[in-house]
Amino acid sequence: MPMKKIYIIMFALLTLSAEVPAKTYELQQSKRTILMQQQDQDDIRITAYDNKILVENAPINSKLEIYSVVGMKVREIIIKQSTVEITVDLAKGYYICRIAGTVRKVAIK
């Protein structure tokens, strides 16, 4: 009987140790995927000057959402090209722009 218990324990340990590398590999792959998504999102550039907002490297047909600093949505614009300059008639001040997971604060002067 004691020998049977030892075999069962050894089998359980071998089974568990075989799963650890697979789970570690899956975790590394998910970290790489998240990092790649963050790099892709960081490639989107949103800048403002005068009364214009310049969006570069944006996904086509994505939404540019413009919020006031108190969180109210003031504009929503569909982006038809990856690089676009948009004239906005907004009061001078700071705004939050969001597009495809990228969020930037811009100043309209």
PDB file of N, CA and C in Angstrom:
ATOM      1  N   MET A   1       0.805  -1.203   0.000  1.00  0.00           N
ATOM      2  CA  MET A   1       0.000   0.000   0.000  1.00  0.00           C
ATOM      3  C   MET A   1       0.849   1.269   0.000  1.00  0.00           C
ATOM      4  N   PRO A   2       1.865   1.383   0.854  1.00  0.00           N
ATOM      5  CA  PRO A   2       2.636   2.623   0.857  1.00  0.00           C
ATOM      6  C   PRO A   2       3.295   2.894  -0.502  1.00  0.00           C
ATOM      7  N   MET A   3       3.694   1.861  -1.207  1.00  0.00           N
ATOM      8  CA  MET A   3       4.336   2.049  -2.511  1.00  0.00           C
ATOM      9  C   MET A   3       3.348   2.641  -3.515  1.00  0.00           C
ATOM     10  N   LYS A   4       2.089   2.217  -3.425  1.00  0.00           N
ATOM     11  CA  LYS A   4       1.058   2.740  -4.324  1.00  0.00           C
ATOM     12  C   LYS A   4       0.849   4.240  -4.078  1.00  0.00           C
ATOM     13  N   LYS A   5       0.872   4.655  -2.818  1.00  0.00           N
ATOM     14  CA  LYS A   5       0.724   6.072  -2.491  1.00  0.00           C
ATOM     15  C   LYS A   5       1.897   6.882  -3.043  1.00  0.00           C
ATOM     16  N   ILE A   6       3.084   6.315  -2.946  1.00  0.00           N
ATOM     17  CA  ILE A   6       4.269   7.011  -3.467  1.00  0.00           C
ATOM     18  C   ILE A   6       4.135   7.203  -4.974  1.00  0.00           C
ATOM     19  N   TYR A   7       3.677   6.163  -5.695  1.00  0.00           N
ATOM     20  CA  TYR A   7       3.489   6.274  -7.140  1.00  0.00           C
ATOM     21  C   TYR A   7       2.434   7.331  -7.492  1.00  0.00           C
ATOM     22  N   ILE A   8       1.372   7.368  -6.719  1.00  0.00           N
ATOM     23  CA  ILE A   8       0.315   8.363  -6.967  1.00  0.00           C
ATOM     24  C   ILE A   8       0.859   9.778  -6.749  1.00  0.00           C
ATOM     25  N   ILE A   9       1.607   9.963  -5.675  1.00  0.00           N
ATOM     26  CA  ILE A   9       2.186  11.283  -5.388  1.00  0.00           C
ATOM     27  C   ILE A   9       3.177  11.677  -6.481  1.00  0.00           C
ATOM     28  N   MET A  10       4.016  10.733  -6.914  1.00  0.00           N
ATOM     29  CA  MET A  10       4.989  11.036  -7.973  1.00  0.00           C
ATOM     30  C   MET A  10       4.270  11.392  -9.277  1.00  0.00           C
ATOM     31  N   PHE A  11       3.221  10.654  -9.584  1.00  0.00           N
ATOM     32  CA  PHE A  11       2.458  10.928 -10.803  1.00  0.00           C
ATOM     33  C   PHE A  11       1.830  12.333 -10.747  1.00  0.00           C
ATOM     34  N   ALA A  12       1.283  12.684  -9.589  1.00  0.00           N
ATOM     35  CA  ALA A  12       0.675  14.007  -9.426  1.00  0.00           C
ATOM     36  C   ALA A  12       1.719  15.113  -9.565  1.00  0.00           C
ATOM     37  N   LEU A  13       2.886  14.927  -8.970  1.00  0.00           N
ATOM     38  CA  LEU A  13       3.950  15.920  -9.087  1.00  0.00           C
ATOM     39  C   LEU A  13       4.432  16.069 -10.524  1.00  0.00           C
ATOM     40  N   LEU A  14       4.569  14.970 -11.230  1.00  0.00           N
ATOM     41  CA  LEU A  14       4.999  15.030 -12.629  1.00  0.00           C
ATOM     42  C   LEU A  14       3.952  15.723 -13.495  1.00  0.00           C
ATOM     43  N   THR A  15       2.708  15.459 -13.231  1.00  0.00           N
ATOM     44  CA  THR A  15       1.630  16.089 -13.995  1.00  0.00           C
ATOM     45  C   THR A  15       1.609  17.594 -13.751  1.00  0.00           C
ATOM     46  N   LEU A  16       1.746  18.006 -12.496  1.00  0.00           N
ATOM     47  CA  LEU A  16       1.740  19.430 -12.171  1.00  0.00           C
ATOM     48  C   LEU A  16       2.951  20.141 -12.762  1.00  0.00           C
ATOM     49  N   SER A  17       4.117  19.507 -12.697  1.00  0.00           N
ATOM     50  CA  SER A  17       5.317  20.166 -13.212  1.00  0.00           C
ATOM     51  C   SER A  17       5.267  20.284 -14.736  1.00  0.00           C
ATOM     52  N   ALA A  18       4.529  19.422 -15.412  1.00  0.00           N
ATOM     53  CA  ALA A  18       4.399  19.528 -16.864  1.00  0.00           C
ATOM     54  C   ALA A  18       3.510  20.708 -17.249  1.00  0.00           C
ATOM     55  N   GLU A  19       2.566  21.077 -16.398  1.00  0.00           N
ATOM     56  CA  GLU A  19       1.658  22.186 -16.694  1.00  0.00           C
ATOM     57  C   GLU A  19       2.322  23.542 -16.467  1.00  0.00           C
ATOM     58  N   VAL A  20       3.289  23.646 -15.587  1.00  0.00           N
ATOM     59  CA  VAL A  20       3.903  24.924 -15.249  1.00  0.00           C
ATOM     60  C   VAL A  20       4.566  25.583 -16.465  1.00  0.00           C
ATOM     61  N   PRO A  21       5.411  24.874 -17.249  1.00  0.00           N
ATOM     62  CA  PRO A  21       6.005  25.539 -18.421  1.00  0.00           C
ATOM     63  C   PRO A  21       4.953  26.000 -19.426  1.00  0.00           C
ATOM     64  N   ALA A  22       3.901  25.226 -19.610  1.00  0.00           N
ATOM     65  CA  ALA A  22       2.856  25.611 -20.560  1.00  0.00           C
ATOM     66  C   ALA A  22       2.161  26.884 -20.089  1.00  0.00           C
ATOM     67  N   LYS A  23       1.849  26.972 -18.811  1.00  0.00           N
ATOM     68  CA  LYS A  23       1.203  28.170 -18.276  1.00  0.00           C
ATOM     69  C   LYS A  23       2.156  29.367 -18.331  1.00  0.00           C
ATOM     70  N   THR A  24       3.438  29.133 -18.060  1.00  0.00           N
ATOM     71  CA  THR A  24       4.425  30.203 -18.144  1.00  0.00           C
ATOM     72  C   THR A  24       4.514  30.722 -19.570  1.00  0.00           C
ATOM     73  N   TYR A  25       4.514  29.825 -20.549  1.00  0.00           N
ATOM     74  CA  TYR A  25       4.562  30.217 -21.956  1.00  0.00           C
ATOM     75  C   TYR A  25       3.325  31.031 -22.329  1.00  0.00           C
ATOM     76  N   GLU A  26       2.141  30.585 -21.889  1.00  0.00           N
ATOM     77  CA  GLU A  26       0.905  31.325 -22.173  1.00  0.00           C
ATOM     78  C   GLU A  26       0.954  32.724 -21.561  1.00  0.00           C
ATOM     79  N   LEU A  27       1.465  32.848 -20.353  1.00  0.00           N
ATOM     80  CA  LEU A  27       1.572  34.138 -19.688  1.00  0.00           C
ATOM     81  C   LEU A  27       2.520  35.060 -20.447  1.00  0.00           C
ATOM     82  N   GLN A  28       3.658  34.512 -20.902  1.00  0.00           N
ATOM     83  CA  GLN A  28       4.610  35.316 -21.676  1.00  0.00           C
ATOM     84  C   GLN A  28       3.982  35.781 -22.987  1.00  0.00           C
ATOM     85  N   GLN A  29       3.241  34.908 -23.648  1.00  0.00           N
ATOM     86  CA  GLN A  29       2.597  35.269 -24.908  1.00  0.00           C
ATOM     87  C   GLN A  29       1.559  36.364 -24.691  1.00  0.00           C
ATOM     88  N   SER A  30       0.771  36.269 -23.608  1.00  0.00           N
ATOM     89  CA  SER A  30      -0.239  37.294 -23.356  1.00  0.00           C
ATOM     90  C   SER A  30       0.427  38.630 -23.031  1.00  0.00           C
ATOM     91  N   LYS A  31       1.560  38.619 -22.323  1.00  0.00           N
ATOM     92  CA  LYS A  31       2.289  39.855 -22.047  1.00  0.00           C
ATOM     93  C   LYS A  31       2.801  40.466 -23.349  1.00  0.00           C
ATOM     94  N   ARG A  32       3.300  39.620 -24.258  1.00  0.00           N
ATOM     95  CA  ARG A  32       3.781  40.131 -25.551  1.00  0.00           C
ATOM     96  C   ARG A  32       2.643  40.740 -26.349  1.00  0.00           C
ATOM     97  N   THR A  33       1.476  40.095 -26.336  1.00  0.00           N
ATOM     98  CA  THR A  33       0.323  40.614 -27.068  1.00  0.00           C
ATOM     99  C   THR A  33      -0.086  41.969 -26.523  1.00  0.00           C
ATOM    100  N   ILE A  34      -0.148  42.108 -25.206  1.00  0.00           N
ATOM    101  CA  ILE A  34      -0.515  43.382 -24.586  1.00  0.00           C
ATOM    102  C   ILE A  34       0.514  44.440 -24.938  1.00  0.00           C
ATOM    103  N   LEU A  35       1.791  44.099 -24.893  1.00  0.00           N
ATOM    104  CA  LEU A  35       2.842  45.053 -25.229  1.00  0.00           C
ATOM    105  C   LEU A  35       2.725  45.497 -26.683  1.00  0.00           C
ATOM    106  N   MET A  36       2.442  44.560 -27.602  1.00  0.00           N
ATOM    107  CA  MET A  36       2.282  44.915 -29.012  1.00  0.00           C
ATOM    108  C   MET A  36       1.081  45.838 -29.197  1.00  0.00           C
ATOM    109  N   GLN A  37      -0.019  45.574 -28.499  1.00  0.00           N
ATOM    110  CA  GLN A  37      -1.191  46.430 -28.598  1.00  0.00           C
ATOM    111  C   GLN A  37      -0.877  47.824 -28.074  1.00  0.00           C
ATOM    112  N   GLN A  38      -0.120  47.913 -26.981  1.00  0.00           N
ATOM    113  CA  GLN A  38       0.237  49.213 -26.439  1.00  0.00           C
ATOM    114  C   GLN A  38       1.131  49.968 -27.404  1.00  0.00           C
ATOM    115  N   GLN A  39       2.071  49.261 -28.052  1.00  0.00           N
ATOM    116  CA  GLN A  39       2.934  49.920 -29.017  1.00  0.00           C
ATOM    117  C   GLN A  39       2.125  50.419 -30.198  1.00  0.00           C
ATOM    118  N   ASP A  40       1.172  49.611 -30.674  1.00  0.00           N
ATOM    119  CA  ASP A  40       0.329  50.034 -31.782  1.00  0.00           C
ATOM    120  C   ASP A  40      -0.465  51.280 -31.407  1.00  0.00           C
ATOM    121  N   GLN A  41      -1.014  51.295 -30.204  1.00  0.00           N
ATOM    122  CA  GLN A  41      -1.810  52.439 -29.776  1.00  0.00           C
ATOM    123  C   GLN A  41      -0.938  53.667 -29.578  1.00  0.00           C
ATOM    124  N   ASP A  42       0.297  53.478 -29.125  1.00  0.00           N
ATOM    125  CA  ASP A  42       1.180  54.610 -28.908  1.00  0.00           C
ATOM    126  C   ASP A  42       1.623  55.230 -30.224  1.00  0.00           C
ATOM    127  N   ASP A  43       1.499  54.512 -31.335  1.00  0.00           N
ATOM    128  CA  ASP A  43       1.853  55.067 -32.628  1.00  0.00           C
ATOM    129  C   ASP A  43       0.861  56.141 -33.065  1.00  0.00           C
ATOM    130  N   ILE A  44      -0.343  56.138 -32.528  1.00  0.00           N
ATOM    131  CA  ILE A  44      -1.339  57.155 -32.874  1.00  0.00           C
ATOM    132  C   ILE A  44      -0.916  58.466 -32.213  1.00  0.00           C
ATOM    133  N   ARG A  45      -0.816  59.523 -33.022  1.00  0.00           N
ATOM    134  CA  ARG A  45      -0.436  60.821 -32.485  1.00  0.00           C
ATOM    135  C   ARG A  45      -1.599  61.787 -32.612  1.00  0.00           C
ATOM    136  N   ILE A  46      -1.878  62.494 -31.535  1.00  0.00           N
ATOM    137  CA  ILE A  46      -2.938  63.510 -31.515  1.00  0.00           C
ATOM    138  C   ILE A  46      -2.303  64.802 -31.009  1.00  0.00           C
ATOM    139  N   THR A  47      -2.326  65.821 -31.852  1.00  0.00           N
ATOM    140  CA  THR A  47      -1.790  67.123 -31.458  1.00  0.00           C
ATOM    141  C   THR A  47      -2.785  68.206 -31.852  1.00  0.00           C
ATOM    142  N   ALA A  48      -2.640  69.362 -31.231  1.00  0.00           N
ATOM    143  CA  ALA A  48      -3.550  70.479 -31.530  1.00  0.00           C
ATOM    144  C   ALA A  48      -2.742  71.748 -31.702  1.00  0.00           C
ATOM    145  N   TYR A  49      -3.205  72.595 -32.599  1.00  0.00           N
ATOM    146  CA  TYR A  49      -2.646  73.922 -32.775  1.00  0.00           C
ATOM    147  C   TYR A  49      -3.729  74.809 -33.363  1.00  0.00           C
ATOM    148  N   ASP A  50      -3.661  76.087 -33.061  1.00  0.00           N
ATOM    149  CA  ASP A  50      -4.702  77.036 -33.458  1.00  0.00           C
ATOM    150  C   ASP A  50      -6.065  76.446 -33.091  1.00  0.00           C
ATOM    151  N   ASN A  51      -6.920  76.257 -34.055  1.00  0.00           N
ATOM    152  CA  ASN A  51      -8.241  75.667 -33.801  1.00  0.00           C
ATOM    153  C   ASN A  51      -8.364  74.347 -34.562  1.00  0.00           C
ATOM    154  N   LYS A  52      -7.241  73.609 -34.641  1.00  0.00           N
ATOM    155  CA  LYS A  52      -7.202  72.361 -35.403  1.00  0.00           C
ATOM    156  C   LYS A  52      -6.641  71.237 -34.542  1.00  0.00           C
ATOM    157  N   ILE A  53      -7.101  70.034 -34.844  1.00  0.00           N
ATOM    158  CA  ILE A  53      -6.561  68.828 -34.208  1.00  0.00           C
ATOM    159  C   ILE A  53      -5.984  67.972 -35.319  1.00  0.00           C
ATOM    160  N   LEU A  54      -4.730  67.555 -35.148  1.00  0.00           N
ATOM    161  CA  LEU A  54      -4.048  66.706 -36.115  1.00  0.00           C
ATOM    162  C   LEU A  54      -3.967  65.298 -35.545  1.00  0.00           C
ATOM    163  N   VAL A  55      -4.495  64.327 -36.286  1.00  0.00           N
ATOM    164  CA  VAL A  55      -4.464  62.929 -35.875  1.00  0.00           C
ATOM    165  C   VAL A  55      -3.613  62.184 -36.901  1.00  0.00           C
ATOM    166  N   GLU A  56      -2.601  61.458 -36.421  1.00  0.00           N
ATOM    167  CA  GLU A  56      -1.713  60.706 -37.302  1.00  0.00           C
ATOM    168  C   GLU A  56      -1.705  59.234 -36.913  1.00  0.00           C
ATOM    169  N   ASN A  57      -1.629  58.373 -37.917  1.00  0.00           N
ATOM    170  CA  ASN A  57      -1.551  56.911 -37.745  1.00  0.00           C
ATOM    171  C   ASN A  57      -2.790  56.329 -37.068  1.00  0.00           C
ATOM    172  N   ALA A  58      -3.933  56.901 -37.309  1.00  0.00           N
ATOM    173  CA  ALA A  58      -5.179  56.404 -36.709  1.00  0.00           C
ATOM    174  C   ALA A  58      -5.766  55.300 -37.573  1.00  0.00           C
ATOM    175  N   PRO A  59      -6.441  54.345 -36.963  1.00  0.00           N
ATOM    176  CA  PRO A  59      -7.144  53.332 -37.755  1.00  0.00           C
ATOM    177  C   PRO A  59      -8.270  53.976 -38.558  1.00  0.00           C
ATOM    178  N   ILE A  60      -8.393  53.577 -39.804  1.00  0.00           N
ATOM    179  CA  ILE A  60      -9.449  54.131 -40.658  1.00  0.00           C
ATOM    180  C   ILE A  60     -10.805  53.693 -40.116  1.00  0.00           C
ATOM    181  N   ASN A  61     -11.787  54.579 -40.196  1.00  0.00           N
ATOM    182  CA  ASN A  61     -13.153  54.385 -39.685  1.00  0.00           C
ATOM    183  C   ASN A  61     -13.228  54.283 -38.168  1.00  0.00           C
ATOM    184  N   SER A  62     -12.226  54.794 -37.476  1.00  0.00           N
ATOM    185  CA  SER A  62     -12.295  54.848 -36.013  1.00  0.00           C
ATOM    186  C   SER A  62     -12.920  56.171 -35.598  1.00  0.00           C
ATOM    187  N   LYS A  63     -13.304  56.253 -34.341  1.00  0.00           N
ATOM    188  CA  LYS A  63     -13.956  57.460 -33.819  1.00  0.00           C
ATOM    189  C   LYS A  63     -12.963  58.280 -33.010  1.00  0.00           C
ATOM    190  N   LEU A  64     -12.914  59.560 -33.317  1.00  0.00           N
ATOM    191  CA  LEU A  64     -12.187  60.508 -32.484  1.00  0.00           C
ATOM    192  C   LEU A  64     -13.228  61.141 -31.570  1.00  0.00           C
ATOM    193  N   GLU A  65     -13.061  60.954 -30.275  1.00  0.00           N
ATOM    194  CA  GLU A  65     -13.983  61.524 -29.299  1.00  0.00           C
ATOM    195  C   GLU A  65     -13.262  62.639 -28.562  1.00  0.00           C
ATOM    196  N   ILE A  66     -13.897  63.795 -28.478  1.00  0.00           N
ATOM    197  CA  ILE A  66     -13.319  64.951 -27.809  1.00  0.00           C
ATOM    198  C   ILE A  66     -14.176  65.270 -26.588  1.00  0.00           C
ATOM    199  N   TYR A  67     -13.530  65.321 -25.431  1.00  0.00           N
ATOM    200  CA  TYR A  67     -14.212  65.572 -24.164  1.00  0.00           C
ATOM    201  C   TYR A  67     -13.679  66.853 -23.540  1.00  0.00           C
ATOM    202  N   SER A  68     -14.557  67.563 -22.838  1.00  0.00           N
ATOM    203  CA  SER A  68     -14.098  68.695 -22.033  1.00  0.00           C
ATOM    204  C   SER A  68     -13.378  68.129 -20.810  1.00  0.00           C
ATOM    205  N   VAL A  69     -12.683  68.985 -20.080  1.00  0.00           N
ATOM    206  CA  VAL A  69     -11.943  68.499 -18.913  1.00  0.00           C
ATOM    207  C   VAL A  69     -12.859  68.030 -17.787  1.00  0.00           C
ATOM    208  N   VAL A  70     -14.151  68.391 -17.851  1.00  0.00           N
ATOM    209  CA  VAL A  70     -15.091  67.894 -16.841  1.00  0.00           C
ATOM    210  C   VAL A  70     -15.750  66.591 -17.274  1.00  0.00           C
ATOM    211  N   GLY A  71     -15.361  66.077 -18.460  1.00  0.00           N
ATOM    212  CA  GLY A  71     -15.826  64.769 -18.885  1.00  0.00           C
ATOM    213  C   GLY A  71     -17.016  64.753 -19.814  1.00  0.00           C
ATOM    214  N   MET A  72     -17.465  65.913 -20.277  1.00  0.00           N
ATOM    215  CA  MET A  72     -18.595  65.949 -21.209  1.00  0.00           C
ATOM    216  C   MET A  72     -18.084  65.797 -22.643  1.00  0.00           C
ATOM    217  N   LYS A  73     -18.719  64.897 -23.402  1.00  0.00           N
ATOM    218  CA  LYS A  73     -18.327  64.716 -24.794  1.00  0.00           C
ATOM    219  C   LYS A  73     -18.820  65.921 -25.597  1.00  0.00           C
ATOM    220  N   VAL A  74     -17.890  66.575 -26.299  1.00  0.00           N
ATOM    221  CA  VAL A  74     -18.261  67.758 -27.071  1.00  0.00           C
ATOM    222  C   VAL A  74     -18.259  67.483 -28.574  1.00  0.00           C
ATOM    223  N   ARG A  75     -17.518  66.482 -29.032  1.00  0.00           N
ATOM    224  CA  ARG A  75     -17.499  66.121 -30.454  1.00  0.00           C
ATOM    225  C   ARG A  75     -17.203  64.636 -30.599  1.00  0.00           C
ATOM    226  N   GLU A  76     -17.707  64.089 -31.702  1.00  0.00           N
ATOM    227  CA  GLU A  76     -17.370  62.725 -32.102  1.00  0.00           C
ATOM    228  C   GLU A  76     -17.221  62.752 -33.617  1.00  0.00           C
ATOM    229  N   ILE A  77     -16.047  62.381 -34.092  1.00  0.00           N
ATOM    230  CA  ILE A  77     -15.727  62.485 -35.510  1.00  0.00           C
ATOM    231  C   ILE A  77     -15.219  61.140 -36.003  1.00  0.00           C
ATOM    232  N   ILE A  78     -15.756  60.670 -37.125  1.00  0.00           N
ATOM    233  CA  ILE A  78     -15.284  59.428 -37.748  1.00  0.00           C
ATOM    234  C   ILE A  78     -14.053  59.761 -38.586  1.00  0.00           C
ATOM    235  N   ILE A  79     -12.982  59.030 -38.367  1.00  0.00           N
ATOM    236  CA  ILE A  79     -11.733  59.247 -39.084  1.00  0.00           C
ATOM    237  C   ILE A  79     -11.746  58.411 -40.361  1.00  0.00           C
ATOM    238  N   LYS A  80     -11.667  59.062 -41.504  1.00  0.00           N
ATOM    239  CA  LYS A  80     -11.735  58.384 -42.803  1.00  0.00           C
ATOM    240  C   LYS A  80     -10.359  58.120 -43.400  1.00  0.00           C
ATOM    241  N   GLN A  81      -9.310  58.774 -42.868  1.00  0.00           N
ATOM    242  CA  GLN A  81      -7.938  58.588 -43.338  1.00  0.00           C
ATOM    243  C   GLN A  81      -7.048  58.379 -42.125  1.00  0.00           C
ATOM    244  N   SER A  82      -5.902  57.762 -42.331  1.00  0.00           N
ATOM    245  CA  SER A  82      -5.031  57.518 -41.178  1.00  0.00           C
ATOM    246  C   SER A  82      -4.397  58.804 -40.644  1.00  0.00           C
ATOM    247  N   THR A  83      -4.195  59.783 -41.507  1.00  0.00           N
ATOM    248  CA  THR A  83      -3.703  61.086 -41.066  1.00  0.00           C
ATOM    249  C   THR A  83      -4.696  62.141 -41.517  1.00  0.00           C
ATOM    250  N   VAL A  84      -5.195  62.923 -40.571  1.00  0.00           N
ATOM    251  CA  VAL A  84      -6.223  63.907 -40.888  1.00  0.00           C
ATOM    252  C   VAL A  84      -6.065  65.130 -39.992  1.00  0.00           C
ATOM    253  N   GLU A  85      -6.338  66.290 -40.563  1.00  0.00           N
ATOM    254  CA  GLU A  85      -6.340  67.540 -39.811  1.00  0.00           C
ATOM    255  C   GLU A  85      -7.779  68.025 -39.740  1.00  0.00           C
ATOM    256  N   ILE A  86      -8.268  68.216 -38.531  1.00  0.00           N
ATOM    257  CA  ILE A  86      -9.677  68.548 -38.322  1.00  0.00           C
ATOM    258  C   ILE A  86      -9.770  69.949 -37.726  1.00  0.00           C
ATOM    259  N   THR A  87     -10.557  70.803 -38.360  1.00  0.00           N
ATOM    260  CA  THR A  87     -10.824  72.122 -37.804  1.00  0.00           C
ATOM    261  C   THR A  87     -12.006  71.986 -36.847  1.00  0.00           C
ATOM    262  N   VAL A  88     -11.788  72.387 -35.610  1.00  0.00           N
ATOM    263  CA  VAL A  88     -12.846  72.293 -34.594  1.00  0.00           C
ATOM    264  C   VAL A  88     -13.170  73.691 -34.101  1.00  0.00           C
ATOM    265  N   ASP A  89     -14.425  73.967 -33.963  1.00  0.00           N
ATOM    266  CA  ASP A  89     -14.856  75.260 -33.420  1.00  0.00           C
ATOM    267  C   ASP A  89     -15.160  75.076 -31.942  1.00  0.00           C
ATOM    268  N   LEU A  90     -14.112  75.064 -31.159  1.00  0.00           N
ATOM    269  CA  LEU A  90     -14.249  74.885 -29.712  1.00  0.00           C
ATOM    270  C   LEU A  90     -13.663  76.090 -29.002  1.00  0.00           C
ATOM    271  N   ALA A  91     -14.157  76.349 -27.831  1.00  0.00           N
ATOM    272  CA  ALA A  91     -13.617  77.430 -27.014  1.00  0.00           C
ATOM    273  C   ALA A  91     -12.175  77.106 -26.633  1.00  0.00           C
ATOM    274  N   LYS A  92     -11.389  78.140 -26.418  1.00  0.00           N
ATOM    275  CA  LYS A  92     -10.009  77.930 -25.995  1.00  0.00           C
ATOM    276  C   LYS A  92      -9.995  77.175 -24.673  1.00  0.00           C
ATOM    277  N   GLY A  93      -9.043  76.281 -24.555  1.00  0.00           N
ATOM    278  CA  GLY A  93      -8.914  75.520 -23.317  1.00  0.00           C
ATOM    279  C   GLY A  93      -8.349  74.139 -23.567  1.00  0.00           C
ATOM    280  N   TYR A  94      -8.401  73.303 -22.542  1.00  0.00           N
ATOM    281  CA  TYR A  94      -7.885  71.944 -22.620  1.00  0.00           C
ATOM    282  C   TYR A  94      -9.018  70.967 -22.900  1.00  0.00           C
ATOM    283  N   TYR A  95      -8.704  69.941 -23.695  1.00  0.00           N
ATOM    284  CA  TYR A  95      -9.666  68.912 -24.044  1.00  0.00           C
ATOM    285  C   TYR A  95      -8.972  67.564 -24.001  1.00  0.00           C
ATOM    286  N   ILE A  96      -9.759  66.536 -23.822  1.00  0.00           N
ATOM    287  CA  ILE A  96      -9.263  65.163 -23.830  1.00  0.00           C
ATOM    288  C   ILE A  96      -9.730  64.524 -25.133  1.00  0.00           C
ATOM    289  N   CYS A  97      -8.779  63.983 -25.893  1.00  0.00           N
ATOM    290  CA  CYS A  97      -9.111  63.312 -27.159  1.00  0.00           C
ATOM    291  C   CYS A  97      -8.829  61.824 -26.998  1.00  0.00           C
ATOM    292  N   ARG A  98      -9.762  61.015 -27.490  1.00  0.00           N
ATOM    293  CA  ARG A  98      -9.618  59.562 -27.403  1.00  0.00           C
ATOM    294  C   ARG A  98      -9.897  58.958 -28.764  1.00  0.00           C
ATOM    295  N   ILE A  99      -9.015  58.042 -29.170  1.00  0.00           N
ATOM    296  CA  ILE A  99      -9.218  57.313 -30.412  1.00  0.00           C
ATOM    297  C   ILE A  99      -8.544  55.955 -30.274  1.00  0.00           C
ATOM    298  N   ALA A 100      -9.314  54.908 -30.492  1.00  0.00           N
ATOM    299  CA  ALA A 100      -8.798  53.525 -30.488  1.00  0.00           C
ATOM    300  C   ALA A 100      -7.923  53.207 -29.280  1.00  0.00           C
ATOM    301  N   GLY A 101      -8.340  53.601 -28.101  1.00  0.00           N
ATOM    302  CA  GLY A 101      -7.601  53.274 -26.889  1.00  0.00           C
ATOM    303  C   GLY A 101      -6.492  54.253 -26.545  1.00  0.00           C
ATOM    304  N   THR A 102      -6.191  55.178 -27.420  1.00  0.00           N
ATOM    305  CA  THR A 102      -5.182  56.196 -27.150  1.00  0.00           C
ATOM    306  C   THR A 102      -5.883  57.446 -26.646  1.00  0.00           C
ATOM    307  N   VAL A 103      -5.399  57.982 -25.538  1.00  0.00           N
ATOM    308  CA  VAL A 103      -6.004  59.170 -24.930  1.00  0.00           C
ATOM    309  C   VAL A 103      -4.914  60.226 -24.766  1.00  0.00           C
ATOM    310  N   ARG A 104      -5.228  61.440 -25.221  1.00  0.00           N
ATOM    311  CA  ARG A 104      -4.285  62.552 -25.109  1.00  0.00           C
ATOM    312  C   ARG A 104      -4.994  63.822 -24.654  1.00  0.00           C
ATOM    313  N   LYS A 105      -4.279  64.651 -23.912  1.00  0.00           N
ATOM    314  CA  LYS A 105      -4.786  65.964 -23.531  1.00  0.00           C
ATOM    315  C   LYS A 105      -4.234  66.959 -24.550  1.00  0.00           C
ATOM    316  N   VAL A 106      -5.098  67.797 -25.076  1.00  0.00           N
ATOM    317  CA  VAL A 106      -4.663  68.810 -26.054  1.00  0.00           C
ATOM    318  C   VAL A 106      -5.146  70.178 -25.596  1.00  0.00           C
ATOM    319  N   ALA A 107      -4.463  71.199 -26.085  1.00  0.00           N
ATOM    320  CA  ALA A 107      -4.834  72.575 -25.760  1.00  0.00           C
ATOM    321  C   ALA A 107      -5.272  73.262 -27.042  1.00  0.00           C
ATOM    322  N   ILE A 108      -6.488  73.778 -27.052  1.00  0.00           N
ATOM    323  CA  ILE A 108      -6.995  74.575 -28.165  1.00  0.00           C
ATOM    324  C   ILE A 108      -6.708  76.031 -27.817  1.00  0.00           C
ATOM    325  N   LYS A 109      -5.978  76.716 -28.685  1.00  0.00           N
ATOM    326  CA  LYS A 109      -5.586  78.111 -28.397  1.00  0.00           C
ATOM    327  C   LYS A 109      -6.228  79.052 -29.376  1.00  0.00           C
TER     328      LYS A 109
END
